[in-house]
Amino acid sequence: MTTMRVSQKGWVVIPAHLREKYNIRPGDEVAIVDYGGVLSIVPLPEDPIKAASGMLKGEPSLTEALLEERAKERARER
């Protein structure tokens, strides 16, 4: 665990080893997230659409699963 001290102005310095680990560079944006008593610093991607692209590849299609389930239900009703 790394501890930091908050300055008079409310600034917190992210240690170099964590900036390197999470690829945080000067000018990058981060979000401060309040999880009900826990604050998290979350690096924001430059292009969120590009960063999220392909996240669900390889997973089963939920649409296909829903259509299959509905077809089974219709068959049972007959």
PDB file of N, CA and C in Angstrom:
ATOM      1  N   MET A   1       0.848  -1.177   0.000  1.00  0.00           N
ATOM      2  CA  MET A   1       0.000   0.000   0.000  1.00  0.00           C
ATOM      3  C   MET A   1       0.889   1.234   0.000  1.00  0.00           C
ATOM      4  N   THR A   2       0.496   2.200  -0.774  1.00  0.00           N
ATOM      5  CA  THR A   2       1.221   3.461  -0.869  1.00  0.00           C
ATOM      6  C   THR A   2       0.388   4.542  -0.199  1.00  0.00           C
ATOM      7  N   THR A   3       1.003   5.307   0.661  1.00  0.00           N
ATOM      8  CA  THR A   3       0.287   6.414   1.289  1.00  0.00           C
ATOM      9  C   THR A   3       0.805   7.728   0.741  1.00  0.00           C
ATOM     10  N   MET A   4      -0.084   8.714   0.684  1.00  0.00           N
ATOM     11  CA  MET A   4       0.270  10.040   0.187  1.00  0.00           C
ATOM     12  C   MET A   4      -0.328  11.061   1.137  1.00  0.00           C
ATOM     13  N   ARG A   5       0.201  12.263   1.104  1.00  0.00           N
ATOM     14  CA  ARG A   5      -0.292  13.340   1.938  1.00  0.00           C
ATOM     15  C   ARG A   5      -0.970  14.379   1.049  1.00  0.00           C
ATOM     16  N   VAL A   6      -2.119  14.877   1.491  1.00  0.00           N
ATOM     17  CA  VAL A   6      -2.845  15.909   0.759  1.00  0.00           C
ATOM     18  C   VAL A   6      -2.257  17.261   1.129  1.00  0.00           C
ATOM     19  N   SER A   7      -1.971  18.088   0.100  1.00  0.00           N
ATOM     20  CA  SER A   7      -1.385  19.410   0.355  1.00  0.00           C
ATOM     21  C   SER A   7      -2.456  20.385   0.836  1.00  0.00           C
ATOM     22  N   GLN A   8      -2.017  21.591   1.223  1.00  0.00           N
ATOM     23  CA  GLN A   8      -2.942  22.655   1.637  1.00  0.00           C
ATOM     24  C   GLN A   8      -3.972  22.944   0.554  1.00  0.00           C
ATOM     25  N   LYS A   9      -3.568  22.811  -0.717  1.00  0.00           N
ATOM     26  CA  LYS A   9      -4.450  23.103  -1.845  1.00  0.00           C
ATOM     27  C   LYS A   9      -5.292  21.894  -2.254  1.00  0.00           C
ATOM     28  N   GLY A  10      -5.147  20.773  -1.547  1.00  0.00           N
ATOM     29  CA  GLY A  10      -5.918  19.582  -1.878  1.00  0.00           C
ATOM     30  C   GLY A  10      -5.268  18.716  -2.932  1.00  0.00           C
ATOM     31  N   TRP A  11      -4.015  18.978  -3.242  1.00  0.00           N
ATOM     32  CA  TRP A  11      -3.311  18.214  -4.268  1.00  0.00           C
ATOM     33  C   TRP A  11      -2.765  16.916  -3.685  1.00  0.00           C
ATOM     34  N   VAL A  12      -2.746  15.881  -4.520  1.00  0.00           N
ATOM     35  CA  VAL A  12      -2.128  14.610  -4.165  1.00  0.00           C
ATOM     36  C   VAL A  12      -1.210  14.225  -5.318  1.00  0.00           C
ATOM     37  N   VAL A  13       0.007  13.846  -5.019  1.00  0.00           N
ATOM     38  CA  VAL A  13       0.964  13.437  -6.045  1.00  0.00           C
ATOM     39  C   VAL A  13       0.885  11.914  -6.186  1.00  0.00           C
ATOM     40  N   ILE A  14       0.651  11.452  -7.415  1.00  0.00           N
ATOM     41  CA  ILE A  14       0.635  10.008  -7.678  1.00  0.00           C
ATOM     42  C   ILE A  14       2.094   9.574  -7.819  1.00  0.00           C
ATOM     43  N   PRO A  15       2.538   8.623  -7.019  1.00  0.00           N
ATOM     44  CA  PRO A  15       3.936   8.197  -7.078  1.00  0.00           C
ATOM     45  C   PRO A  15       4.336   7.699  -8.473  1.00  0.00           C
ATOM     46  N   ALA A  16       5.618   7.909  -8.805  1.00  0.00           N
ATOM     47  CA  ALA A  16       6.134   7.578 -10.136  1.00  0.00           C
ATOM     48  C   ALA A  16       5.889   6.120 -10.503  1.00  0.00           C
ATOM     49  N   HIS A  17       6.084   5.192  -9.569  1.00  0.00           N
ATOM     50  CA  HIS A  17       5.923   3.775  -9.924  1.00  0.00           C
ATOM     51  C   HIS A  17       4.473   3.449 -10.299  1.00  0.00           C
ATOM     52  N   LEU A  18       3.498   4.151  -9.710  1.00  0.00           N
ATOM     53  CA  LEU A  18       2.096   3.934 -10.074  1.00  0.00           C
ATOM     54  C   LEU A  18       1.743   4.628 -11.388  1.00  0.00           C
ATOM     55  N   ARG A  19       2.329   5.813 -11.626  1.00  0.00           N
ATOM     56  CA  ARG A  19       2.114   6.490 -12.916  1.00  0.00           C
ATOM     57  C   ARG A  19       2.651   5.635 -14.056  1.00  0.00           C
ATOM     58  N   GLU A  20       3.816   5.023 -13.844  1.00  0.00           N
ATOM     59  CA  GLU A  20       4.398   4.158 -14.870  1.00  0.00           C
ATOM     60  C   GLU A  20       3.558   2.897 -15.060  1.00  0.00           C
ATOM     61  N   LYS A  21       3.141   2.287 -13.964  1.00  0.00           N
ATOM     62  CA  LYS A  21       2.361   1.048 -14.026  1.00  0.00           C
ATOM     63  C   LYS A  21       1.055   1.250 -14.792  1.00  0.00           C
ATOM     64  N   TYR A  22       0.390   2.388 -14.582  1.00  0.00           N
ATOM     65  CA  TYR A  22      -0.910   2.650 -15.203  1.00  0.00           C
ATOM     66  C   TYR A  22      -0.813   3.606 -16.391  1.00  0.00           C
ATOM     67  N   ASN A  23       0.420   3.858 -16.822  1.00  0.00           N
ATOM     68  CA  ASN A  23       0.676   4.684 -18.007  1.00  0.00           C
ATOM     69  C   ASN A  23      -0.011   6.052 -17.917  1.00  0.00           C
ATOM     70  N   ILE A  24       0.107   6.697 -16.786  1.00  0.00           N
ATOM     71  CA  ILE A  24      -0.460   8.034 -16.584  1.00  0.00           C
ATOM     72  C   ILE A  24       0.639   9.050 -16.889  1.00  0.00           C
ATOM     73  N   ARG A  25       0.366   9.911 -17.856  1.00  0.00           N
ATOM     74  CA  ARG A  25       1.325  10.906 -18.310  1.00  0.00           C
ATOM     75  C   ARG A  25       0.823  12.304 -17.975  1.00  0.00           C
ATOM     76  N   PRO A  26       1.713  13.308 -17.929  1.00  0.00           N
ATOM     77  CA  PRO A  26       1.270  14.686 -17.688  1.00  0.00           C
ATOM     78  C   PRO A  26       0.212  15.099 -18.705  1.00  0.00           C
ATOM     79  N   GLY A  27      -0.863  15.679 -18.234  1.00  0.00           N
ATOM     80  CA  GLY A  27      -1.959  16.110 -19.093  1.00  0.00           C
ATOM     81  C   GLY A  27      -3.064  15.073 -19.240  1.00  0.00           C
ATOM     82  N   ASP A  28      -2.814  13.820 -18.829  1.00  0.00           N
ATOM     83  CA  ASP A  28      -3.866  12.795 -18.881  1.00  0.00           C
ATOM     84  C   ASP A  28      -4.963  13.142 -17.881  1.00  0.00           C
ATOM     85  N   GLU A  29      -6.168  12.681 -18.170  1.00  0.00           N
ATOM     86  CA  GLU A  29      -7.284  12.904 -17.255  1.00  0.00           C
ATOM     87  C   GLU A  29      -7.522  11.659 -16.422  1.00  0.00           C
ATOM     88  N   VAL A  30      -7.883  11.883 -15.159  1.00  0.00           N
ATOM     89  CA  VAL A  30      -8.268  10.807 -14.260  1.00  0.00           C
ATOM     90  C   VAL A  30      -9.593  11.190 -13.616  1.00  0.00           C
ATOM     91  N   ALA A  31     -10.349  10.191 -13.204  1.00  0.00           N
ATOM     92  CA  ALA A  31     -11.598  10.431 -12.488  1.00  0.00           C
ATOM     93  C   ALA A  31     -11.396  10.030 -11.032  1.00  0.00           C
ATOM     94  N   ILE A  32     -11.984  10.803 -10.140  1.00  0.00           N
ATOM     95  CA  ILE A  32     -12.002  10.447  -8.728  1.00  0.00           C
ATOM     96  C   ILE A  32     -13.392   9.871  -8.465  1.00  0.00           C
ATOM     97  N   VAL A  33     -13.452   8.597  -8.078  1.00  0.00           N
ATOM     98  CA  VAL A  33     -14.716   7.904  -7.888  1.00  0.00           C
ATOM     99  C   VAL A  33     -14.934   7.652  -6.407  1.00  0.00           C
ATOM    100  N   ASP A  34     -16.112   8.037  -5.913  1.00  0.00           N
ATOM    101  CA  ASP A  34     -16.481   7.833  -4.509  1.00  0.00           C
ATOM    102  C   ASP A  34     -17.317   6.561  -4.414  1.00  0.00           C
ATOM    103  N   TYR A  35     -16.753   5.522  -3.810  1.00  0.00           N
ATOM    104  CA  TYR A  35     -17.449   4.254  -3.640  1.00  0.00           C
ATOM    105  C   TYR A  35     -18.040   4.148  -2.232  1.00  0.00           C
ATOM    106  N   GLY A  36     -18.579   5.243  -1.707  1.00  0.00           N
ATOM    107  CA  GLY A  36     -19.184   5.220  -0.376  1.00  0.00           C
ATOM    108  C   GLY A  36     -18.162   4.981   0.710  1.00  0.00           C
ATOM    109  N   GLY A  37     -17.251   5.886   0.863  1.00  0.00           N
ATOM    110  CA  GLY A  37     -16.231   5.770   1.901  1.00  0.00           C
ATOM    111  C   GLY A  37     -14.860   5.411   1.353  1.00  0.00           C
ATOM    112  N   VAL A  38     -14.786   5.045   0.092  1.00  0.00           N
ATOM    113  CA  VAL A  38     -13.515   4.708  -0.553  1.00  0.00           C
ATOM    114  C   VAL A  38     -13.385   5.566  -1.806  1.00  0.00           C
ATOM    115  N   LEU A  39     -12.280   6.309  -1.926  1.00  0.00           N
ATOM    116  CA  LEU A  39     -12.014   7.098  -3.121  1.00  0.00           C
ATOM    117  C   LEU A  39     -11.043   6.338  -4.005  1.00  0.00           C
ATOM    118  N   SER A  40     -11.320   6.329  -5.298  1.00  0.00           N
ATOM    119  CA  SER A  40     -10.436   5.671  -6.256  1.00  0.00           C
ATOM    120  C   SER A  40     -10.043   6.665  -7.337  1.00  0.00           C
ATOM    121  N   ILE A  41      -8.803   6.580  -7.776  1.00  0.00           N
ATOM    122  CA  ILE A  41      -8.327   7.370  -8.906  1.00  0.00           C
ATOM    123  C   ILE A  41      -8.341   6.437 -10.112  1.00  0.00           C
ATOM    124  N   VAL A  42      -9.133   6.786 -11.118  1.00  0.00           N
ATOM    125  CA  VAL A  42      -9.294   5.928 -12.286  1.00  0.00           C
ATOM    126  C   VAL A  42      -8.782   6.667 -13.523  1.00  0.00           C
ATOM    127  N   PRO A  43      -7.731   6.141 -14.182  1.00  0.00           N
ATOM    128  CA  PRO A  43      -7.247   6.776 -15.406  1.00  0.00           C
ATOM    129  C   PRO A  43      -8.332   6.690 -16.493  1.00  0.00           C
ATOM    130  N   LEU A  44      -8.545   7.792 -17.211  1.00  0.00           N
ATOM    131  CA  LEU A  44      -9.526   7.815 -18.285  1.00  0.00           C
ATOM    132  C   LEU A  44      -8.812   7.662 -19.620  1.00  0.00           C
ATOM    133  N   PRO A  45      -9.326   6.807 -20.493  1.00  0.00           N
ATOM    134  CA  PRO A  45      -8.688   6.660 -21.807  1.00  0.00           C
ATOM    135  C   PRO A  45      -8.925   7.896 -22.657  1.00  0.00           C
ATOM    136  N   GLU A  46      -7.989   8.167 -23.570  1.00  0.00           N
ATOM    137  CA  GLU A  46      -8.152   9.312 -24.472  1.00  0.00           C
ATOM    138  C   GLU A  46      -9.396   9.150 -25.327  1.00  0.00           C
ATOM    139  N   ASP A  47      -9.615   7.939 -25.832  1.00  0.00           N
ATOM    140  CA  ASP A  47     -10.763   7.652 -26.677  1.00  0.00           C
ATOM    141  C   ASP A  47     -11.545   6.499 -26.049  1.00  0.00           C
ATOM    142  N   PRO A  48     -12.586   6.795 -25.252  1.00  0.00           N
ATOM    143  CA  PRO A  48     -13.307   5.728 -24.550  1.00  0.00           C
ATOM    144  C   PRO A  48     -13.972   4.729 -25.496  1.00  0.00           C
ATOM    145  N   ILE A  49     -14.412   5.187 -26.675  1.00  0.00           N
ATOM    146  CA  ILE A  49     -15.040   4.281 -27.629  1.00  0.00           C
ATOM    147  C   ILE A  49     -14.018   3.252 -28.117  1.00  0.00           C
ATOM    148  N   LYS A  50     -12.844   3.724 -28.474  1.00  0.00           N
ATOM    149  CA  LYS A  50     -11.789   2.829 -28.950  1.00  0.00           C
ATOM    150  C   LYS A  50     -11.343   1.885 -27.828  1.00  0.00           C
ATOM    151  N   ALA A  51     -11.254   2.396 -26.606  1.00  0.00           N
ATOM    152  CA  ALA A  51     -10.831   1.574 -25.471  1.00  0.00           C
ATOM    153  C   ALA A  51     -11.834   0.465 -25.182  1.00  0.00           C
ATOM    154  N   ALA A  52     -13.123   0.722 -25.392  1.00  0.00           N
ATOM    155  CA  ALA A  52     -14.157  -0.272 -25.108  1.00  0.00           C
ATOM    156  C   ALA A  52     -14.397  -1.216 -26.277  1.00  0.00           C
ATOM    157  N   SER A  53     -13.892  -0.872 -27.441  1.00  0.00           N
ATOM    158  CA  SER A  53     -14.109  -1.687 -28.635  1.00  0.00           C
ATOM    159  C   SER A  53     -13.545  -3.087 -28.444  1.00  0.00           C
ATOM    160  N   GLY A  54     -14.379  -4.086 -28.683  1.00  0.00           N
ATOM    161  CA  GLY A  54     -13.940  -5.472 -28.596  1.00  0.00           C
ATOM    162  C   GLY A  54     -13.947  -6.058 -27.209  1.00  0.00           C
ATOM    163  N   MET A  55     -14.467  -5.335 -26.221  1.00  0.00           N
ATOM    164  CA  MET A  55     -14.462  -5.842 -24.845  1.00  0.00           C
ATOM    165  C   MET A  55     -15.214  -7.153 -24.700  1.00  0.00           C
ATOM    166  N   LEU A  56     -16.262  -7.349 -25.483  1.00  0.00           N
ATOM    167  CA  LEU A  56     -17.099  -8.530 -25.324  1.00  0.00           C
ATOM    168  C   LEU A  56     -16.881  -9.571 -26.417  1.00  0.00           C
ATOM    169  N   LYS A  57     -15.833  -9.408 -27.204  1.00  0.00           N
ATOM    170  CA  LYS A  57     -15.554 -10.391 -28.251  1.00  0.00           C
ATOM    171  C   LYS A  57     -15.302 -11.750 -27.623  1.00  0.00           C
ATOM    172  N   GLY A  58     -15.799 -12.758 -28.313  1.00  0.00           N
ATOM    173  CA  GLY A  58     -15.573 -14.122 -27.833  1.00  0.00           C
ATOM    174  C   GLY A  58     -16.622 -14.584 -26.842  1.00  0.00           C
ATOM    175  N   GLU A  59     -17.402 -13.684 -26.329  1.00  0.00           N
ATOM    176  CA  GLU A  59     -18.457 -14.055 -25.397  1.00  0.00           C
ATOM    177  C   GLU A  59     -19.664 -14.530 -26.186  1.00  0.00           C
ATOM    178  N   PRO A  60     -20.498 -15.376 -25.592  1.00  0.00           N
ATOM    179  CA  PRO A  60     -21.716 -15.779 -26.298  1.00  0.00           C
ATOM    180  C   PRO A  60     -22.622 -14.573 -26.518  1.00  0.00           C
ATOM    181  N   SER A  61     -23.302 -14.571 -27.661  1.00  0.00           N
ATOM    182  CA  SER A  61     -24.202 -13.475 -27.993  1.00  0.00           C
ATOM    183  C   SER A  61     -25.455 -13.565 -27.130  1.00  0.00           C
ATOM    184  N   LEU A  62     -25.724 -12.524 -26.364  1.00  0.00           N
ATOM    185  CA  LEU A  62     -26.918 -12.517 -25.526  1.00  0.00           C
ATOM    186  C   LEU A  62     -28.176 -12.441 -26.370  1.00  0.00           C
ATOM    187  N   THR A  63     -28.094 -11.768 -27.497  1.00  0.00           N
ATOM    188  CA  THR A  63     -29.246 -11.679 -28.395  1.00  0.00           C
ATOM    189  C   THR A  63     -29.595 -13.063 -28.933  1.00  0.00           C
ATOM    190  N   GLU A  64     -28.575 -13.798 -29.381  1.00  0.00           N
ATOM    191  CA  GLU A  64     -28.824 -15.137 -29.896  1.00  0.00           C
ATOM    192  C   GLU A  64     -29.383 -16.049 -28.809  1.00  0.00           C
ATOM    193  N   ALA A  65     -28.854 -15.951 -27.608  1.00  0.00           N
ATOM    194  CA  ALA A  65     -29.340 -16.774 -26.503  1.00  0.00           C
ATOM    195  C   ALA A  65     -30.801 -16.449 -26.190  1.00  0.00           C
ATOM    196  N   LEU A  66     -31.159 -15.172 -26.211  1.00  0.00           N
ATOM    197  CA  LEU A  66     -32.532 -14.764 -25.950  1.00  0.00           C
ATOM    198  C   LEU A  66     -33.474 -15.298 -27.026  1.00  0.00           C
ATOM    199  N   LEU A  67     -33.068 -15.180 -28.299  1.00  0.00           N
ATOM    200  CA  LEU A  67     -33.903 -15.680 -29.392  1.00  0.00           C
ATOM    201  C   LEU A  67     -34.082 -17.195 -29.310  1.00  0.00           C
ATOM    202  N   GLU A  68     -33.029 -17.925 -28.963  1.00  0.00           N
ATOM    203  CA  GLU A  68     -33.121 -19.377 -28.805  1.00  0.00           C
ATOM    204  C   GLU A  68     -34.079 -19.734 -27.664  1.00  0.00           C
ATOM    205  N   GLU A  69     -33.966 -19.025 -26.561  1.00  0.00           N
ATOM    206  CA  GLU A  69     -34.836 -19.294 -25.406  1.00  0.00           C
ATOM    207  C   GLU A  69     -36.295 -19.028 -25.753  1.00  0.00           C
ATOM    208  N   ARG A  70     -36.553 -17.960 -26.463  1.00  0.00           N
ATOM    209  CA  ARG A  70     -37.933 -17.648 -26.866  1.00  0.00           C
ATOM    210  C   ARG A  70     -38.478 -18.700 -27.824  1.00  0.00           C
ATOM    211  N   ALA A  71     -37.633 -19.205 -28.717  1.00  0.00           N
ATOM    212  CA  ALA A  71     -38.062 -20.266 -29.633  1.00  0.00           C
ATOM    213  C   ALA A  71     -38.419 -21.524 -28.851  1.00  0.00           C
ATOM    214  N   LYS A  72     -37.623 -21.857 -27.835  1.00  0.00           N
ATOM    215  CA  LYS A  72     -37.911 -23.023 -26.991  1.00  0.00           C
ATOM    216  C   LYS A  72     -39.236 -22.835 -26.252  1.00  0.00           C
ATOM    217  N   GLU A  73     -39.476 -21.629 -25.736  1.00  0.00           N
ATOM    218  CA  GLU A  73     -40.728 -21.345 -25.031  1.00  0.00           C
ATOM    219  C   GLU A  73     -41.927 -21.509 -25.963  1.00  0.00           C
ATOM    220  N   ARG A  74     -41.798 -21.000 -27.195  1.00  0.00           N
ATOM    221  CA  ARG A  74     -42.899 -21.128 -28.159  1.00  0.00           C
ATOM    222  C   ARG A  74     -43.157 -22.603 -28.464  1.00  0.00           C
ATOM    223  N   ALA A  75     -42.088 -23.390 -28.588  1.00  0.00           N
ATOM    224  CA  ALA A  75     -42.244 -24.829 -28.879  1.00  0.00           C
ATOM    225  C   ALA A  75     -42.934 -25.546 -27.722  1.00  0.00           C
ATOM    226  N   ARG A  76     -42.625 -25.168 -26.481  1.00  0.00           N
ATOM    227  CA  ARG A  76     -43.261 -25.788 -25.314  1.00  0.00           C
ATOM    228  C   ARG A  76     -44.746 -25.434 -25.226  1.00  0.00           C
ATOM    229  N   GLU A  77     -45.075 -24.210 -25.658  1.00  0.00           N
ATOM    230  CA  GLU A  77     -46.471 -23.757 -25.587  1.00  0.00           C
ATOM    231  C   GLU A  77     -47.355 -24.486 -26.601  1.00  0.00           C
ATOM    232  N   ARG A  78     -46.787 -25.034 -27.658  1.00  0.00           N
ATOM    233  CA  ARG A  78     -47.567 -25.717 -28.697  1.00  0.00           C
ATOM    234  C   ARG A  78     -47.907 -27.086 -28.311  1.00  0.00           C
TER     235      ARG A  78
END
